């Protein structure tokens, strides 16, 4: 599943290619791809302008305005204009295989095309393509709360570690109260969003922590080092377009990321640890896998599986 870096790559592409454009049409080709009344989506979107592209964790949203981009540019002479406030947004989650693609409006339709948006400027479409149909889109009301407005369905999602709203001290206090294994805590989107299996393993390797280390045993300096590792690995992945293991994760132009070439332990079972040369181990974890170095990340005696 795409994690924070992959979703942020898509967000940046959307902000470049669709922000400020007015939707002329919306077509739903598979109702399961739309949560909450798929048949209403075309009327909910037609004539509305996309103000920007936003993200929290693994969720993307496009704030919607009832006016056009030209309307927003008009101002009474001598008066400053207030930025428009979106009452609703088009919220998207990519699921396992979802893709938001900016495609020439005359290009052939993709085999797994689920939702298609056309624009009044006659430029490229925005297409939601999803082979497995685990992803979804929907129009949702915005909840305006400090420090930033978010769509109502994701108000329970915590800030992600690349957001200015992320509070390191609060995270450390809540983490120590969790009394669980550190990797399980990192995957808890109500505690810290955007971290998935890949980047949890990579960050824990950088911080020299085993995935089953009890959260209550971590010191504040250790938590600070872990957060630094999370931010470091995500920023590096973002700079390389994210991690693509197959053709399902691509940016808005259909291009794959290449951070998979830089992974230290994830998916590297029996390969030498880049730091000490010990073969990387794979262990079962929550119906998936955890990868770590036996020497750099020894299993704690009080491990929480």
Protein backbone atom coordinates (compact mmCIF):
# COMPACT_ATOMS: atom_id res chain seq x y z
CA UNK A 1 0.00 0.00 0.00
CA UNK A 2 1.34 3.48 -0.82
CA UNK A 3 2.70 5.21 2.27
CA UNK A 4 3.36 8.88 3.01
CA UNK A 5 6.17 9.49 0.46
CA UNK A 6 4.24 7.89 -2.40
CA UNK A 7 1.06 9.81 -1.58
CA UNK A 8 2.98 13.07 -1.22
CA UNK A 9 4.51 12.56 -4.67
CA UNK A 10 0.98 12.23 -6.07
CA UNK A 11 -0.20 15.29 -4.10
CA UNK A 12 2.54 17.45 -5.57
CA UNK A 13 1.61 16.36 -9.05
CA UNK A 14 -2.05 17.10 -8.46
CA UNK A 15 -1.24 20.53 -7.02
CA UNK A 16 0.71 21.30 -10.16
CA UNK A 17 -1.73 19.96 -12.73
CA UNK A 18 -5.28 20.33 -11.37
CA UNK A 19 -5.28 23.11 -8.75
CA UNK A 20 -7.18 26.15 -10.01
CA UNK A 21 -9.09 24.20 -12.68
CA UNK A 22 -12.87 23.96 -12.86
CA UNK A 23 -14.55 20.58 -13.27
CA UNK A 24 -16.77 20.29 -16.34
CA UNK A 25 -17.82 16.67 -15.92
CA UNK A 26 -17.43 13.66 -13.66
CA UNK A 27 -18.05 10.11 -14.78
CA UNK A 28 -18.26 7.10 -12.44
CA UNK A 29 -17.35 3.86 -14.21
CA UNK A 30 -17.39 1.61 -11.13
CA UNK A 31 -19.69 2.49 -8.22
CA UNK A 32 -17.59 0.61 -5.65
CA UNK A 33 -14.82 3.17 -6.14
CA UNK A 34 -17.05 5.90 -4.71
CA UNK A 35 -18.06 5.94 -1.07
CA UNK A 36 -21.40 7.52 -0.19
CA UNK A 37 -23.84 7.69 -3.11
CA UNK A 38 -21.84 7.12 -6.27
CA UNK A 39 -24.71 8.32 -8.42
CA UNK A 40 -24.51 11.80 -6.88
CA UNK A 41 -20.82 12.37 -7.55
CA UNK A 42 -21.19 13.99 -11.02
CA UNK A 43 -23.62 16.63 -9.68
CA UNK A 44 -21.48 17.17 -6.58
CA UNK A 45 -18.43 18.01 -8.70
CA UNK A 46 -19.65 19.67 -11.89
CA UNK A 47 -18.89 23.39 -12.00
CA UNK A 48 -16.69 23.40 -8.91
CA UNK A 49 -13.10 24.58 -8.83
CA UNK A 50 -10.26 22.64 -7.24
CA UNK A 51 -8.41 25.04 -4.94
CA UNK A 52 -5.35 22.95 -4.12
CA UNK A 53 -4.17 19.43 -3.34
CA UNK A 54 -3.72 18.48 0.33
CA UNK A 55 -2.58 15.41 2.24
CA UNK A 56 -2.52 13.92 5.71
CA UNK A 57 -0.80 10.57 6.10
CA UNK A 58 -2.04 8.32 3.30
CA UNK A 59 -5.13 10.42 2.47
CA UNK A 60 -5.39 13.02 -0.29
CA UNK A 61 -8.05 15.67 -0.75
CA UNK A 62 -8.91 18.40 -3.24
CA UNK A 63 -10.73 21.34 -1.57
CA UNK A 64 -13.69 22.44 -3.72
CA UNK A 65 -15.09 25.92 -4.34
CA UNK A 66 -18.33 26.82 -6.08
CA UNK A 67 -16.75 29.72 -8.00
CA UNK A 68 -14.22 29.57 -10.83
CA UNK A 69 -10.55 30.36 -10.70
CA UNK A 70 -11.26 33.61 -12.53
CA UNK A 71 -13.80 34.59 -9.85
CA UNK A 72 -11.14 34.12 -7.20
CA UNK A 73 -8.79 36.44 -9.06
CA UNK A 74 -11.23 39.38 -9.02
CA UNK A 75 -10.96 41.86 -6.21
CA UNK A 76 -12.33 45.29 -5.46
CA UNK A 77 -9.65 47.80 -6.33
CA UNK A 78 -7.55 48.68 -3.32
CA UNK A 79 -8.83 45.73 -1.24
CA UNK A 80 -6.98 42.55 -0.41
CA UNK A 81 -8.73 39.30 -1.26
CA UNK A 82 -9.26 36.58 1.33
CA UNK A 83 -8.39 33.05 0.20
CA UNK A 84 -11.55 31.04 -0.48
CA UNK A 85 -12.73 28.66 2.21
CA UNK A 86 -13.76 25.21 1.04
CA UNK A 87 -16.86 23.73 2.62
CA UNK A 88 -16.28 20.37 0.92
CA UNK A 89 -13.45 18.39 -0.64
CA UNK A 90 -12.95 15.42 -2.92
CA UNK A 91 -11.27 12.93 -0.58
CA UNK A 92 -9.23 10.01 -1.97
CA UNK A 93 -7.46 6.97 -0.59
CA UNK A 94 -5.37 4.96 -3.04
CA UNK A 95 -5.80 1.62 -1.27
CA UNK A 96 -3.53 -1.12 -2.60
CA UNK A 97 -3.46 -0.21 -6.28
CA UNK A 98 -5.16 3.15 -6.81
CA UNK A 99 -3.67 5.70 -9.19
CA UNK A 100 -4.61 9.33 -9.75
CA UNK A 101 -3.41 10.10 -13.26
CA UNK A 102 -3.34 13.32 -15.27
CA UNK A 103 -4.06 12.10 -18.81
CA UNK A 104 -4.76 13.74 -22.16
CA UNK A 105 -8.54 13.92 -22.50
CA UNK A 106 -8.36 12.15 -25.89
CA UNK A 107 -6.22 9.27 -24.62
CA UNK A 108 -7.80 5.77 -24.60
CA UNK A 109 -9.56 4.81 -21.39
CA UNK A 110 -7.57 2.62 -19.01
CA UNK A 111 -8.77 -0.94 -18.38
CA UNK A 112 -9.32 -0.30 -14.67
CA UNK A 113 -10.57 3.28 -14.91
CA UNK A 114 -13.06 3.96 -12.08
CA UNK A 115 -13.68 7.73 -12.07
CA UNK A 116 -12.94 10.33 -14.73
CA UNK A 117 -12.96 14.12 -14.31
CA UNK A 118 -12.97 16.50 -17.28
CA UNK A 119 -12.25 20.22 -17.02
CA UNK A 120 -13.66 23.38 -18.58
CA UNK A 121 -10.28 24.38 -20.02
CA UNK A 122 -10.27 21.31 -22.27
CA UNK A 123 -6.94 20.22 -20.80
CA UNK A 124 -5.93 16.83 -19.39
CA UNK A 125 -8.38 14.66 -17.45
CA UNK A 126 -7.92 13.55 -13.89
CA UNK A 127 -8.50 9.78 -13.80
CA UNK A 128 -8.79 7.43 -10.85
CA UNK A 129 -7.56 4.01 -11.94
CA UNK A 130 -7.69 1.09 -9.49
CA UNK A 131 -7.06 -2.52 -10.48
CA UNK A 132 -8.14 -4.06 -7.16
CA UNK A 133 -10.79 -1.46 -6.28
CA UNK A 134 -9.70 -1.17 -2.65
CA UNK A 135 -9.20 2.58 -3.00
CA UNK A 136 -12.01 5.11 -3.08
CA UNK A 137 -13.05 8.71 -3.58
CA UNK A 138 -15.92 10.71 -2.09
CA UNK A 139 -17.09 14.27 -1.55
CA UNK A 140 -16.92 15.08 2.15
CA UNK A 141 -17.57 18.15 4.31
CA UNK A 142 -14.55 19.98 5.67
CA UNK A 143 -14.09 20.36 9.41
CA UNK A 144 -12.39 23.67 10.16
CA UNK A 145 -10.33 23.22 13.27
CA UNK A 146 -6.88 24.29 14.41
CA UNK A 147 -4.24 23.92 13.13
CA UNK A 148 -5.72 23.06 9.68
CA UNK A 149 -9.05 22.04 8.17
CA UNK A 150 -9.45 18.39 7.20
CA UNK A 151 -12.28 16.34 5.64
CA UNK A 152 -14.76 15.00 8.20
CA UNK A 153 -14.05 11.25 7.58
CA UNK A 154 -10.40 11.61 8.58
CA UNK A 155 -10.64 13.81 11.67
CA UNK A 156 -9.48 10.80 13.72
CA UNK A 157 -6.25 10.50 11.71
CA UNK A 158 -3.22 11.91 13.52
CA UNK A 159 -0.89 14.46 12.01
CA UNK A 160 1.98 12.92 10.06
CA UNK A 161 5.66 13.47 10.92
CA UNK A 162 6.26 15.83 7.99
CA UNK A 163 3.42 18.17 9.01
CA UNK A 164 4.12 21.35 10.95
CA UNK A 165 1.15 20.34 13.13
CA UNK A 166 2.98 17.25 14.38
CA UNK A 167 3.86 17.62 18.08
CA UNK A 168 6.98 15.61 18.97
CA UNK A 169 6.51 15.93 22.74
CA UNK A 170 2.86 14.87 22.59
CA UNK A 171 3.74 11.93 20.38
CA UNK A 172 6.44 10.78 22.82
CA UNK A 173 4.06 10.95 25.78
CA UNK A 174 1.28 9.08 23.97
CA UNK A 175 3.72 6.50 22.62
CA UNK A 176 5.03 5.61 26.07
CA UNK A 177 1.44 5.16 27.32
CA UNK A 178 0.60 2.72 24.52
CA UNK A 179 2.31 -0.30 26.16
CA UNK A 180 2.70 -2.18 22.89
CA UNK A 181 5.46 -3.05 20.45
CA UNK A 182 7.07 -0.05 18.75
CA UNK A 183 6.25 -1.13 15.20
CA UNK A 184 2.60 -1.74 16.04
CA UNK A 185 2.52 1.79 17.47
CA UNK A 186 4.13 3.28 14.35
CA UNK A 187 1.40 1.69 12.21
CA UNK A 188 -1.38 3.16 14.38
CA UNK A 189 -2.75 5.98 12.23
CA UNK A 190 -4.46 7.58 15.21
CA UNK A 191 -1.03 8.08 16.82
CA UNK A 192 1.13 8.96 13.81
CA UNK A 193 -0.13 8.84 10.24
CA UNK A 194 1.54 7.94 6.97
CA UNK A 195 3.91 5.25 8.27
CA UNK A 196 3.40 1.78 6.82
CA UNK A 197 5.25 -1.52 6.83
CA UNK A 198 8.11 -0.44 4.56
CA UNK A 199 9.12 2.79 6.24
CA UNK A 200 8.53 1.44 9.75
CA UNK A 201 11.10 -1.29 9.10
CA UNK A 202 13.55 1.14 7.51
CA UNK A 203 13.23 3.72 10.30
CA UNK A 204 13.59 1.09 13.03
CA UNK A 205 16.75 -0.19 11.35
CA UNK A 206 18.21 3.32 11.28
CA UNK A 207 17.31 3.81 14.95
CA UNK A 208 18.67 0.32 15.86
CA UNK A 209 15.37 -0.71 17.46
CA UNK A 210 13.74 -4.13 17.19
CA UNK A 211 10.10 -3.97 16.07
CA UNK A 212 8.87 -5.69 19.27
CA UNK A 213 10.59 -3.29 21.67
CA UNK A 214 7.96 -2.25 24.28
CA UNK A 215 7.01 1.40 23.85
CA UNK A 216 7.03 2.08 27.60
CA UNK A 217 10.75 1.21 27.76
CA UNK A 218 11.78 3.90 25.25
CA UNK A 219 13.48 6.99 26.61
CA UNK A 220 12.68 10.42 25.23
CA UNK A 221 16.08 10.60 23.46
CA UNK A 222 15.38 7.19 21.87
CA UNK A 223 11.97 8.39 20.67
CA UNK A 224 13.53 11.57 19.30
CA UNK A 225 16.10 9.48 17.42
CA UNK A 226 13.33 7.27 16.03
CA UNK A 227 11.31 10.28 14.84
CA UNK A 228 14.42 11.64 13.19
CA UNK A 229 14.90 8.31 11.41
CA UNK A 230 11.25 8.27 10.27
CA UNK A 231 11.56 11.77 8.82
CA UNK A 232 14.93 11.04 7.28
CA UNK A 233 13.89 7.89 5.44
CA UNK A 234 10.61 9.42 4.26
CA UNK A 235 12.33 12.55 2.98
CA UNK A 236 14.88 10.44 1.10
CA UNK A 237 12.12 8.30 -0.40
CA UNK A 238 10.21 11.42 -1.40
CA UNK A 239 13.28 12.71 -3.21
CA UNK A 240 13.37 9.49 -5.25
CA UNK A 241 9.69 9.47 -6.14
CA UNK A 242 8.72 6.89 -3.51
CA UNK A 243 9.02 3.10 -3.54
CA UNK A 244 7.62 1.07 -6.44
CA UNK A 245 7.76 -2.72 -6.30
CA UNK A 246 5.46 -3.10 -9.30
CA UNK A 247 3.56 -1.01 -11.85
CA UNK A 248 0.66 -0.29 -9.48
CA UNK A 249 2.27 2.66 -7.68
CA UNK A 250 3.02 5.56 -10.05
CA UNK A 251 2.90 9.36 -9.90
CA UNK A 252 0.30 11.43 -11.78
CA UNK A 253 2.31 11.05 -14.99
CA UNK A 254 2.46 7.25 -14.70
CA UNK A 255 6.11 7.16 -13.60
CA UNK A 256 7.44 4.79 -10.93
CA UNK A 257 9.59 5.75 -7.95
CA UNK A 258 12.96 4.14 -7.35
CA UNK A 259 13.61 4.23 -3.59
CA UNK A 260 13.33 0.43 -3.55
CA UNK A 261 16.97 0.45 -4.68
CA UNK A 262 17.93 2.23 -1.44
CA UNK A 263 16.07 0.04 1.06
CA UNK A 264 18.37 -1.26 3.79
CA UNK A 265 16.34 -4.19 5.16
CA UNK A 266 12.77 -4.28 3.86
CA UNK A 267 12.40 -7.19 1.46
CA UNK A 268 16.13 -8.02 1.84
CA UNK A 269 15.91 -11.36 3.65
CA UNK A 270 19.31 -13.10 3.90
CA UNK A 271 21.08 -10.19 2.22
CA UNK A 272 23.90 -8.52 4.20
CA UNK A 273 22.97 -5.65 6.51
CA UNK A 274 24.44 -2.48 4.95
CA UNK A 275 25.84 -1.49 8.35
CA UNK A 276 27.38 -4.68 9.76
CA UNK A 277 27.07 -7.39 7.09
CA UNK A 278 24.87 -9.73 9.15
CA UNK A 279 22.18 -11.44 7.01
CA UNK A 280 18.84 -9.65 7.29
CA UNK A 281 16.11 -11.67 9.01
CA UNK A 282 12.42 -11.87 8.21
CA UNK A 283 9.91 -12.40 11.05
CA UNK A 284 6.14 -12.79 11.00
CA UNK A 285 4.26 -9.70 12.17
CA UNK A 286 0.48 -9.08 12.10
CA UNK A 287 -0.13 -11.29 9.04
CA UNK A 288 2.75 -9.63 7.22
CA UNK A 289 6.54 -9.47 7.61
CA UNK A 290 9.11 -7.47 9.53
CA UNK A 291 12.69 -7.20 8.33
CA UNK A 292 15.58 -6.33 10.63
CA UNK A 293 19.24 -6.98 11.40
CA UNK A 294 19.81 -9.54 14.20
CA UNK A 295 23.01 -7.78 15.27
CA UNK A 296 22.00 -4.11 14.97
CA UNK A 297 18.46 -4.75 16.24
CA UNK A 298 18.64 -7.56 18.81
CA UNK A 299 15.35 -9.01 20.05
CA UNK A 300 14.57 -7.56 23.51
CA UNK A 301 13.96 -9.95 26.39
CA UNK A 302 10.61 -8.32 27.11
CA UNK A 303 9.54 -8.25 23.45
CA UNK A 304 5.87 -7.52 22.66
CA UNK A 305 5.02 -9.69 19.62
